[in-house]
Amino acid sequence: MKEDRAPWIKIKTEDLRIGMFIVDMGRSWMDHPFLTNKKLITSPKQIEKLREYGILEVYIDPQKGWVPEGEIAFQNNRPKEEGEISPFLSEAPSPLVNLSSLAPEEKVPLHQEIKEAKKVHQEAQIVVREVMQDIRLGKNIESEKVKRLVQKMADSIFRNPDALASLTRIKGYDEYTFVHSINVCILCLALGRHLNLERESLEQLGIGALLHDAGKMKIPNYILQKPGRLTEAEFAEIKKHPLYSIEILEKSEGLSQEAKLVALQHHERYAGHGYPSSLQGEEIGKFAQIAAIADVYDALTTNRCYKKAASPYEALQEMYLSVNRDFNQFLMERFIQCMGIYPIGTLVQLDTQEIGIVCSVNHQQLLRPHVLLLFKNPKKSYRQPIVADLMEKDNESGLFKRTILKPLLPQKWNIRVDDYLSCTAWGK
């Protein structure tokens, strides 16, 4: 924080007035109702929302909003609580994309589209396995086959972005490279759609993402699958895979330069400490910056022989700590908007003791998705699943009826999430 900046002012939430500009809510970024910690107060309803979430004090900026006379100022370099994250979500249009508004709402219900998404996902597993096997044998990539697949994946994303994205929860440890390539492609397409990329650009992003790890087929299996720590020589070999990827893609006809740069640059990092070329900032292609986020997110949320998978919530927290170091801040924040704090398929427990599955992300209020309620409490299930909108409020108190307490592991509850997401009985 720059020291020449004017000090912030600490104020009680009950003393907030229209015209004040909040710069810090004193709360983890996932624990308040707004997408940004910077907020110009324009209505009493915003103040009421803060109080509903138990936010008793905030910091305001006297240079950006109205301040009462005689107010005591507190320096803005206050110590943060351990583990606290205070992102300032970008409000200006990104220099990387033409349109920063959210993509239009999905047209096809999740339970309907997920059936088609599963067919595309199964086809993707076959195609990627064949492509990677061809590379191992020294053959060129059949680019038309890859393009047709990505077009089908993009079709699904346009019909309902959450359906295909929900399938990235399915992890195959024994076929990590294949499944990871598919997941990174899906995540890139979902984020690209969220950013309103044009269809042609979206497909080029998807092709690059699907082939981003093609060069790993040139890495010996004993290195790729080594359960212990890599030696310096082994890690040096791993770091060559983007160069192997571009070599492979250059030999294959019909692949765009944009797609090739995804494979070459997805391990570059925003502050310049990535590989293979130590590029920084906007030297890195915009599609490669998107792929870097998707690549790390899928890796963090996958069980590996040397590391247990993080929950989506934990992975997003860890990644946000690295914005402007590892990742473009605008794109990282839009990825969080796109995926949701609790992505589709997350099993959660509510403050009512109810347990259910997140079945729809609220991209405007990330902590308030739709949840398919399965259990009234940990010991009693509902006869029929019920869809609950976490934006719903009690008529008398005006407070939210339900709030997520924590994510749960479906395995411990013997719940097959896919069985419920594809069920038409609760679909609207």
Protein backbone atom coordinates (compact mmCIF):
# COMPACT_ATOMS: atom_id res chain seq x y z
CA MET A 1 0.00 0.00 0.00
CA LYS A 2 1.45 3.37 -0.97
CA GLU A 3 2.15 5.62 2.01
CA ASP A 4 1.28 8.86 0.17
CA ARG A 5 -2.30 7.74 -0.11
CA ALA A 6 -4.86 9.45 2.13
CA PRO A 7 -5.78 7.47 5.27
CA TRP A 8 -9.00 5.54 5.39
CA ILE A 9 -11.65 6.15 8.00
CA LYS A 10 -13.08 3.43 10.22
CA ILE A 11 -16.82 3.78 10.73
CA LYS A 12 -19.64 1.74 12.22
CA THR A 13 -21.97 0.21 9.66
CA GLU A 14 -24.96 1.82 11.37
CA ASP A 15 -23.36 5.23 10.73
CA LEU A 16 -22.95 4.68 6.99
CA ARG A 17 -24.75 7.17 4.79
CA ILE A 18 -25.52 7.46 1.07
CA GLY A 19 -22.51 8.92 -0.73
CA MET A 20 -19.85 7.19 1.37
CA PHE A 21 -17.28 5.04 -0.45
CA ILE A 22 -16.30 1.76 1.24
CA VAL A 23 -12.79 0.47 0.52
CA ASP A 24 -12.62 -2.42 3.01
CA MET A 25 -15.35 -4.39 4.74
CA GLY A 26 -12.98 -5.98 7.27
CA ARG A 27 -14.10 -9.40 6.17
CA SER A 28 -12.86 -12.25 4.01
CA TRP A 29 -13.92 -11.64 0.42
CA MET A 30 -16.20 -14.69 0.48
CA ASP A 31 -18.11 -13.53 3.53
CA HIS A 32 -20.00 -10.46 2.38
CA PRO A 33 -22.86 -9.97 -0.12
CA PHE A 34 -21.02 -7.93 -2.75
CA LEU A 35 -18.64 -8.93 -5.55
CA THR A 36 -16.28 -6.15 -4.60
CA ASN A 37 -14.85 -4.74 -1.36
CA LYS A 38 -15.03 -1.29 -2.95
CA LYS A 39 -18.59 -0.01 -2.78
CA LEU A 40 -20.19 3.40 -3.20
CA ILE A 41 -23.25 3.51 -0.96
CA THR A 42 -26.20 4.55 -3.11
CA SER A 43 -29.16 3.17 -1.15
CA PRO A 44 -30.22 2.18 2.40
CA LYS A 45 -30.68 -1.41 1.14
CA GLN A 46 -26.90 -1.78 0.69
CA ILE A 47 -26.33 -0.76 4.31
CA GLU A 48 -28.98 -3.23 5.43
CA LYS A 49 -27.24 -6.01 3.49
CA LEU A 50 -24.00 -5.34 5.34
CA ARG A 51 -25.80 -5.53 8.68
CA GLU A 52 -27.50 -8.78 7.67
CA TYR A 53 -24.05 -10.31 7.18
CA GLY A 54 -22.92 -9.18 10.61
CA ILE A 55 -20.51 -6.54 9.29
CA LEU A 56 -20.35 -4.00 12.11
CA GLU A 57 -17.50 -1.77 10.92
CA VAL A 58 -16.03 -0.77 7.55
CA TYR A 59 -13.31 1.50 6.20
CA ILE A 60 -14.27 4.39 3.92
CA ASP A 61 -12.14 6.57 1.62
CA PRO A 62 -12.54 10.32 2.30
CA GLN A 63 -11.21 11.17 -1.16
CA LYS A 64 -13.84 9.16 -3.04
CA GLY A 65 -16.99 9.81 -1.06
CA TRP A 66 -18.77 11.90 1.53
CA VAL A 67 -17.31 11.96 5.07
CA PRO A 68 -18.83 13.53 8.21
CA GLU A 69 -16.83 16.37 9.73
CA GLY A 70 -14.65 15.61 12.73
CA GLU A 71 -14.37 11.89 11.94
CA ILE A 72 -11.25 10.17 13.34
CA ALA A 73 -9.05 8.68 10.61
CA PHE A 74 -7.31 5.35 10.86
CA GLN A 75 -4.31 4.53 8.64
CA ASN A 76 -5.13 2.26 5.75
CA ASN A 77 -2.21 -0.07 6.42
CA ARG A 78 -4.02 -1.82 9.26
CA PRO A 79 -2.80 -5.39 9.93
CA LYS A 80 -4.95 -8.06 8.29
CA GLU A 81 -6.26 -11.09 10.09
CA GLU A 82 -4.51 -14.32 9.25
CA GLY A 83 -5.83 -15.76 6.00
CA GLU A 84 -7.90 -12.68 5.16
CA ILE A 85 -8.23 -11.76 1.52
CA SER A 86 -9.49 -8.35 0.42
CA PRO A 87 -9.67 -8.26 -3.36
CA PHE A 88 -10.65 -5.06 -5.11
CA LEU A 89 -12.62 -6.39 -8.03
CA SER A 90 -11.97 -4.42 -11.18
CA GLU A 91 -14.83 -2.14 -12.17
CA ALA A 92 -13.20 -0.76 -15.35
CA PRO A 93 -13.34 -2.74 -18.61
CA SER A 94 -10.43 -5.10 -19.04
CA PRO A 95 -7.81 -4.23 -21.67
CA LEU A 96 -7.84 -7.93 -22.61
CA VAL A 97 -11.41 -8.32 -23.77
CA ASN A 98 -13.85 -6.24 -25.76
CA LEU A 99 -16.82 -6.90 -23.52
CA SER A 100 -16.52 -7.20 -19.74
CA SER A 101 -20.24 -7.65 -19.03
CA LEU A 102 -21.49 -11.02 -17.93
CA ALA A 103 -22.60 -13.47 -20.59
CA PRO A 104 -26.35 -13.89 -21.10
CA GLU A 105 -28.17 -16.34 -18.89
CA GLU A 106 -28.26 -19.94 -20.05
CA LYS A 107 -31.17 -20.97 -22.27
CA VAL A 108 -31.36 -24.70 -21.50
CA PRO A 109 -32.07 -26.04 -17.98
CA LEU A 110 -29.14 -27.75 -16.29
CA HIS A 111 -30.83 -31.13 -15.88
CA GLN A 112 -31.56 -31.16 -19.61
CA GLU A 113 -28.19 -29.95 -20.89
CA ILE A 114 -26.14 -32.16 -18.59
CA LYS A 115 -27.26 -35.23 -20.53
CA GLU A 116 -25.86 -33.75 -23.73
CA ALA A 117 -22.78 -32.52 -21.88
CA LYS A 118 -22.03 -36.06 -20.71
CA LYS A 119 -22.12 -37.33 -24.31
CA VAL A 120 -19.67 -34.60 -25.37
CA HIS A 121 -17.48 -35.34 -22.34
CA GLN A 122 -17.33 -39.04 -23.22
CA GLU A 123 -16.44 -38.21 -26.81
CA ALA A 124 -13.74 -35.85 -25.54
CA GLN A 125 -12.12 -38.65 -23.56
CA ILE A 126 -11.90 -40.81 -26.69
CA VAL A 127 -10.59 -38.02 -28.93
CA VAL A 128 -7.99 -36.72 -26.47
CA ARG A 129 -6.72 -40.22 -25.78
CA GLU A 130 -6.35 -40.85 -29.52
CA VAL A 131 -4.63 -37.49 -30.12
CA MET A 132 -2.18 -37.98 -27.29
CA GLN A 133 -1.42 -41.54 -28.42
CA ASP A 134 -0.75 -40.28 -31.96
CA ILE A 135 1.70 -37.74 -30.56
CA ARG A 136 3.54 -40.46 -28.65
CA LEU A 137 3.87 -42.38 -31.91
CA GLY A 138 5.27 -39.34 -33.68
CA LYS A 139 2.16 -38.66 -35.77
CA ASN A 140 0.75 -35.21 -36.50
CA ILE A 141 -2.41 -34.00 -34.76
CA GLU A 142 -5.64 -34.45 -36.72
CA SER A 143 -6.67 -30.82 -36.30
CA GLU A 144 -10.13 -31.27 -37.85
CA LYS A 145 -11.00 -33.90 -35.28
CA VAL A 146 -9.95 -31.55 -32.49
CA LYS A 147 -11.88 -28.62 -34.00
CA ARG A 148 -15.11 -30.65 -34.30
CA LEU A 149 -14.83 -31.71 -30.68
CA VAL A 150 -14.22 -28.17 -29.42
CA GLN A 151 -17.17 -26.93 -31.48
CA LYS A 152 -19.43 -29.45 -29.74
CA MET A 153 -18.06 -28.42 -26.35
CA ALA A 154 -18.63 -24.76 -27.20
CA ASP A 155 -22.21 -25.57 -28.28
CA SER A 156 -22.87 -27.05 -24.85
CA ILE A 157 -21.27 -24.08 -23.10
CA PHE A 158 -23.53 -21.71 -25.07
CA ARG A 159 -26.65 -23.71 -24.17
CA ASN A 160 -25.77 -23.83 -20.47
CA PRO A 161 -22.20 -23.15 -19.27
CA ASP A 162 -22.73 -24.86 -15.92
CA ALA A 163 -23.54 -28.30 -17.32
CA LEU A 164 -20.21 -29.15 -18.93
CA ALA A 165 -18.29 -27.24 -16.24
CA SER A 166 -19.89 -29.43 -13.55
CA LEU A 167 -18.26 -32.48 -15.15
CA THR A 168 -14.78 -31.17 -14.35
CA ARG A 169 -15.39 -32.61 -10.88
CA ILE A 170 -14.86 -36.05 -12.41
CA LYS A 171 -11.18 -36.77 -11.98
CA GLY A 172 -9.19 -39.69 -13.35
CA TYR A 173 -5.97 -40.08 -11.41
CA ASP A 174 -4.69 -42.91 -13.58
CA GLU A 175 -5.31 -40.85 -16.73
CA TYR A 176 -4.47 -37.44 -15.34
CA THR A 177 -3.00 -35.92 -18.52
CA PHE A 178 -6.04 -36.85 -20.63
CA VAL A 179 -8.69 -35.76 -18.12
CA HIS A 180 -6.73 -32.64 -17.17
CA SER A 181 -6.58 -31.52 -20.81
CA ILE A 182 -10.35 -31.91 -21.12
CA ASN A 183 -11.00 -30.07 -17.87
CA VAL A 184 -8.73 -27.16 -18.77
CA CYS A 185 -10.51 -26.87 -22.11
CA ILE A 186 -13.94 -26.83 -20.44
CA LEU A 187 -12.87 -24.26 -17.84
CA CYS A 188 -11.37 -22.02 -20.53
CA LEU A 189 -14.53 -22.23 -22.63
CA ALA A 190 -16.68 -21.42 -19.60
CA LEU A 191 -14.57 -18.39 -18.69
CA GLY A 192 -14.38 -17.28 -22.32
CA ARG A 193 -18.15 -17.46 -22.59
CA HIS A 194 -18.46 -15.52 -19.31
CA LEU A 195 -16.26 -12.83 -20.87
CA ASN A 196 -18.49 -12.75 -23.97
CA LEU A 197 -15.74 -13.76 -26.36
CA GLU A 198 -16.89 -14.12 -29.95
CA ARG A 199 -17.58 -17.66 -31.07
CA GLU A 200 -14.49 -17.97 -33.30
CA SER A 201 -12.20 -16.67 -30.55
CA LEU A 202 -13.83 -18.99 -28.04
CA GLU A 203 -13.13 -22.01 -30.24
CA GLN A 204 -9.48 -21.02 -30.76
CA LEU A 205 -9.11 -20.69 -26.99
CA GLY A 206 -10.67 -24.14 -26.56
CA ILE A 207 -8.40 -25.78 -29.14
CA GLY A 208 -5.30 -24.32 -27.52
CA ALA A 209 -6.49 -25.40 -24.07
CA LEU A 210 -7.28 -28.95 -25.20
CA LEU A 211 -3.77 -29.30 -26.64
CA HIS A 212 -1.94 -27.26 -24.01
CA ASP A 213 -0.12 -30.29 -22.57
CA ALA A 214 0.59 -32.05 -25.88
CA GLY A 215 4.32 -31.73 -25.21
CA LYS A 216 4.06 -33.93 -22.13
CA MET A 217 3.75 -36.88 -24.47
CA LYS A 218 7.45 -36.33 -25.17
CA ILE A 219 8.31 -36.55 -21.45
CA PRO A 220 9.22 -40.02 -20.12
CA ASN A 221 6.41 -41.63 -18.12
CA TYR A 222 8.65 -42.28 -15.12
CA ILE A 223 8.98 -38.49 -14.71
CA LEU A 224 5.33 -37.67 -15.33
CA GLN A 225 4.11 -40.31 -12.88
CA LYS A 226 6.87 -40.05 -10.28
CA PRO A 227 5.26 -40.13 -6.82
CA GLY A 228 8.11 -38.37 -5.04
CA ARG A 229 9.91 -35.07 -5.45
CA LEU A 230 11.47 -34.47 -8.85
CA THR A 231 15.20 -33.98 -9.16
CA GLU A 232 16.49 -30.73 -10.66
CA ALA A 233 17.19 -32.54 -13.93
CA GLU A 234 13.70 -34.08 -14.01
CA PHE A 235 12.03 -30.75 -13.30
CA ALA A 236 14.14 -29.12 -16.01
CA GLU A 237 12.81 -31.74 -18.43
CA ILE A 238 9.22 -31.09 -17.32
CA LYS A 239 9.72 -27.37 -17.96
CA LYS A 240 10.52 -28.17 -21.59
CA HIS A 241 7.03 -29.46 -22.33
CA PRO A 242 5.68 -26.09 -23.61
CA LEU A 243 8.52 -26.06 -26.12
CA TYR A 244 7.72 -29.63 -27.11
CA SER A 245 4.05 -28.58 -27.43
CA ILE A 246 4.74 -25.74 -29.83
CA GLU A 247 7.01 -28.00 -31.87
CA ILE A 248 4.20 -30.55 -32.19
CA LEU A 249 1.54 -27.97 -32.98
CA GLU A 250 3.70 -26.24 -35.58
CA LYS A 251 3.92 -29.52 -37.52
CA SER A 252 0.15 -29.93 -37.53
CA GLU A 253 -1.85 -28.12 -40.21
CA GLY A 254 -4.86 -25.92 -39.55
CA LEU A 255 -4.03 -24.69 -36.03
CA SER A 256 -4.11 -20.95 -35.39
CA GLN A 257 -1.32 -18.92 -33.83
CA GLU A 258 -3.65 -18.06 -30.93
CA ALA A 259 -4.13 -21.75 -30.12
CA LYS A 260 -0.39 -22.42 -30.37
CA LEU A 261 0.43 -19.60 -27.95
CA VAL A 262 -1.82 -21.19 -25.32
CA ALA A 263 0.34 -24.32 -25.42
CA LEU A 264 3.57 -22.33 -25.40
CA GLN A 265 2.72 -19.75 -22.73
CA HIS A 266 0.36 -21.36 -20.20
CA HIS A 267 3.17 -21.68 -17.65
CA GLU A 268 4.24 -18.05 -17.96
CA ARG A 269 3.37 -16.00 -14.88
CA TYR A 270 2.16 -12.43 -14.67
CA ALA A 271 5.16 -11.10 -12.71
CA GLY A 272 7.64 -12.75 -15.08
CA HIS A 273 8.77 -15.79 -13.08
CA GLY A 274 7.16 -18.45 -15.29
CA TYR A 275 8.60 -20.54 -18.12
CA PRO A 276 9.80 -21.09 -20.80
CA SER A 277 10.44 -17.40 -21.64
CA SER A 278 9.88 -15.48 -18.36
CA LEU A 279 7.28 -13.26 -20.05
CA GLN A 280 5.39 -10.81 -17.87
CA GLY A 281 2.14 -8.89 -17.87
CA GLU A 282 0.61 -8.31 -21.26
CA GLU A 283 3.57 -9.92 -23.00
CA ILE A 284 1.65 -13.10 -22.27
CA GLY A 285 -1.18 -13.81 -24.73
CA LYS A 286 -4.68 -13.25 -23.31
CA PHE A 287 -5.72 -16.84 -24.05
CA ALA A 288 -2.60 -18.16 -22.34
CA GLN A 289 -3.44 -16.05 -19.28
CA ILE A 290 -6.89 -17.66 -19.19
CA ALA A 291 -5.41 -21.14 -19.65
CA ALA A 292 -2.93 -20.54 -16.81
CA ILE A 293 -5.81 -19.97 -14.40
CA ALA A 294 -7.74 -23.02 -15.60
CA ASP A 295 -4.61 -25.19 -15.54
CA VAL A 296 -3.71 -24.34 -11.94
CA TYR A 297 -7.31 -24.55 -10.70
CA ASP A 298 -7.81 -28.05 -12.10
CA ALA A 299 -4.43 -29.20 -10.76
CA LEU A 300 -5.17 -27.88 -7.26
CA THR A 301 -8.60 -29.56 -7.15
CA THR A 302 -7.28 -32.96 -8.29
CA ASN A 303 -5.88 -35.68 -6.04
CA ARG A 304 -2.28 -36.45 -6.93
CA CYS A 305 0.05 -39.06 -5.48
CA TYR A 306 2.01 -36.30 -3.73
CA LYS A 307 -0.81 -33.94 -2.76
CA LYS A 308 -4.44 -34.16 -1.66
CA ALA A 309 -6.96 -32.23 -3.71
CA ALA A 310 -8.08 -28.84 -2.40
CA SER A 311 -11.77 -27.97 -2.41
CA PRO A 312 -12.82 -25.41 -5.05
CA TYR A 313 -13.26 -22.89 -2.22
CA GLU A 314 -9.71 -23.50 -0.95
CA ALA A 315 -8.23 -23.47 -4.46
CA LEU A 316 -9.81 -20.12 -5.31
CA GLN A 317 -8.57 -18.61 -2.05
CA GLU A 318 -5.03 -19.84 -2.67
CA MET A 319 -5.03 -18.61 -6.26
CA TYR A 320 -6.39 -15.19 -5.36
CA LEU A 321 -3.43 -14.66 -3.06
CA SER A 322 -1.29 -14.82 -6.21
CA VAL A 323 -3.08 -12.25 -8.38
CA ASN A 324 -0.70 -9.85 -10.10
CA ARG A 325 2.08 -12.27 -9.26
CA ASP A 326 0.92 -15.43 -11.00
CA PHE A 327 -2.34 -14.34 -12.62
CA ASN A 328 -4.02 -11.38 -14.26
CA GLN A 329 -6.27 -9.93 -11.54
CA PHE A 330 -9.21 -9.09 -13.78
CA LEU A 331 -9.27 -12.59 -15.31
CA MET A 332 -8.87 -14.28 -11.93
CA GLU A 333 -11.79 -12.34 -10.52
CA ARG A 334 -13.95 -13.13 -13.54
CA PHE A 335 -13.04 -16.79 -13.18
CA ILE A 336 -14.35 -16.68 -9.61
CA GLN A 337 -17.55 -15.04 -10.87
CA CYS A 338 -17.85 -17.68 -13.55
CA MET A 339 -17.28 -20.74 -11.35
CA GLY A 340 -18.91 -19.48 -8.18
CA ILE A 341 -17.49 -19.84 -4.69
CA TYR A 342 -19.38 -23.11 -4.50
CA PRO A 343 -19.41 -24.53 -8.07
CA ILE A 344 -22.21 -26.68 -9.49
CA GLY A 345 -22.20 -30.09 -7.81
CA THR A 346 -20.75 -28.93 -4.48
CA LEU A 347 -22.38 -30.65 -1.49
CA VAL A 348 -23.04 -28.05 1.22
CA GLN A 349 -24.53 -27.74 4.68
CA LEU A 350 -26.70 -24.70 5.44
CA ASP A 351 -27.19 -22.78 8.68
CA THR A 352 -30.62 -24.46 8.90
CA GLN A 353 -28.78 -27.83 9.17
CA GLU A 354 -30.15 -28.77 5.74
CA ILE A 355 -27.78 -30.50 3.32
CA GLY A 356 -27.94 -30.19 -0.43
CA ILE A 357 -26.16 -29.87 -3.78
CA VAL A 358 -25.44 -26.56 -5.48
CA CYS A 359 -27.42 -26.80 -8.72
CA SER A 360 -27.14 -23.26 -10.08
CA VAL A 361 -24.56 -20.51 -9.58
CA ASN A 362 -25.76 -16.99 -8.83
CA HIS A 363 -23.10 -15.03 -10.74
CA GLN A 364 -24.23 -11.76 -9.14
CA GLN A 365 -24.28 -13.05 -5.55
CA LEU A 366 -21.70 -15.83 -5.36
CA LEU A 367 -22.58 -16.90 -1.83
CA ARG A 368 -26.25 -17.35 -2.73
CA PRO A 369 -26.66 -20.07 -5.36
CA HIS A 370 -29.64 -22.39 -5.83
CA VAL A 371 -29.28 -25.54 -3.72
CA LEU A 372 -31.05 -28.86 -4.25
CA LEU A 373 -31.95 -29.83 -0.68
CA LEU A 374 -31.61 -33.55 0.07
CA PHE A 375 -31.59 -33.64 3.89
CA LYS A 376 -33.70 -31.69 6.38
CA ASN A 377 -30.92 -32.32 8.89
CA PRO A 378 -27.97 -34.75 9.04
CA LYS A 379 -30.29 -37.53 10.28
CA LYS A 380 -33.41 -36.99 8.18
CA SER A 381 -33.76 -36.77 4.41
CA TYR A 382 -36.48 -35.06 2.40
CA ARG A 383 -38.88 -37.42 0.61
CA GLN A 384 -38.35 -35.42 -2.56
CA PRO A 385 -35.43 -33.03 -3.24
CA ILE A 386 -36.38 -29.36 -2.96
CA VAL A 387 -34.77 -26.48 -4.87
CA ALA A 388 -33.96 -23.59 -2.51
CA ASP A 389 -32.98 -20.11 -3.71
CA LEU A 390 -30.55 -18.75 -1.12
CA MET A 391 -31.62 -15.22 -2.06
CA GLU A 392 -35.01 -15.92 -0.46
CA LYS A 393 -35.72 -13.88 2.67
CA ASP A 394 -38.04 -14.27 5.63
CA ASN A 395 -41.04 -11.94 5.28
CA GLU A 396 -41.07 -10.89 8.92
CA SER A 397 -37.37 -10.41 9.73
CA GLY A 398 -36.20 -9.52 6.23
CA LEU A 399 -33.18 -11.77 6.75
CA PHE A 400 -32.04 -14.53 4.44
CA LYS A 401 -33.77 -17.84 5.17
CA ARG A 402 -30.72 -19.94 4.40
CA THR A 403 -26.96 -19.41 4.20
CA ILE A 404 -24.18 -21.90 3.36
CA LEU A 405 -22.11 -22.91 6.37
CA LYS A 406 -19.56 -25.19 4.73
CA PRO A 407 -18.89 -27.61 1.88
CA LEU A 408 -19.08 -31.36 2.55
CA LEU A 409 -17.53 -34.43 0.93
CA PRO A 410 -20.17 -36.39 -1.06
CA GLN A 411 -18.30 -39.66 -0.45
CA LYS A 412 -18.84 -39.40 3.30
CA TRP A 413 -22.57 -39.04 2.73
CA ASN A 414 -22.70 -41.79 0.09
CA ILE A 415 -24.14 -39.31 -2.41
CA ARG A 416 -23.68 -39.60 -6.18
CA VAL A 417 -23.94 -35.96 -7.20
CA ASP A 418 -24.41 -36.75 -10.91
CA ASP A 419 -27.56 -38.75 -10.17
CA TYR A 420 -29.22 -35.61 -8.85
CA LEU A 421 -27.88 -33.06 -11.33
CA SER A 422 -29.27 -35.05 -14.25
CA CYS A 423 -32.62 -35.76 -12.60
CA THR A 424 -35.65 -34.16 -14.31
CA ALA A 425 -37.93 -34.53 -11.29
CA TRP A 426 -36.75 -31.27 -9.72
CA GLY A 427 -35.92 -29.38 -12.92
CA LYS A 428 -37.88 -26.28 -13.72
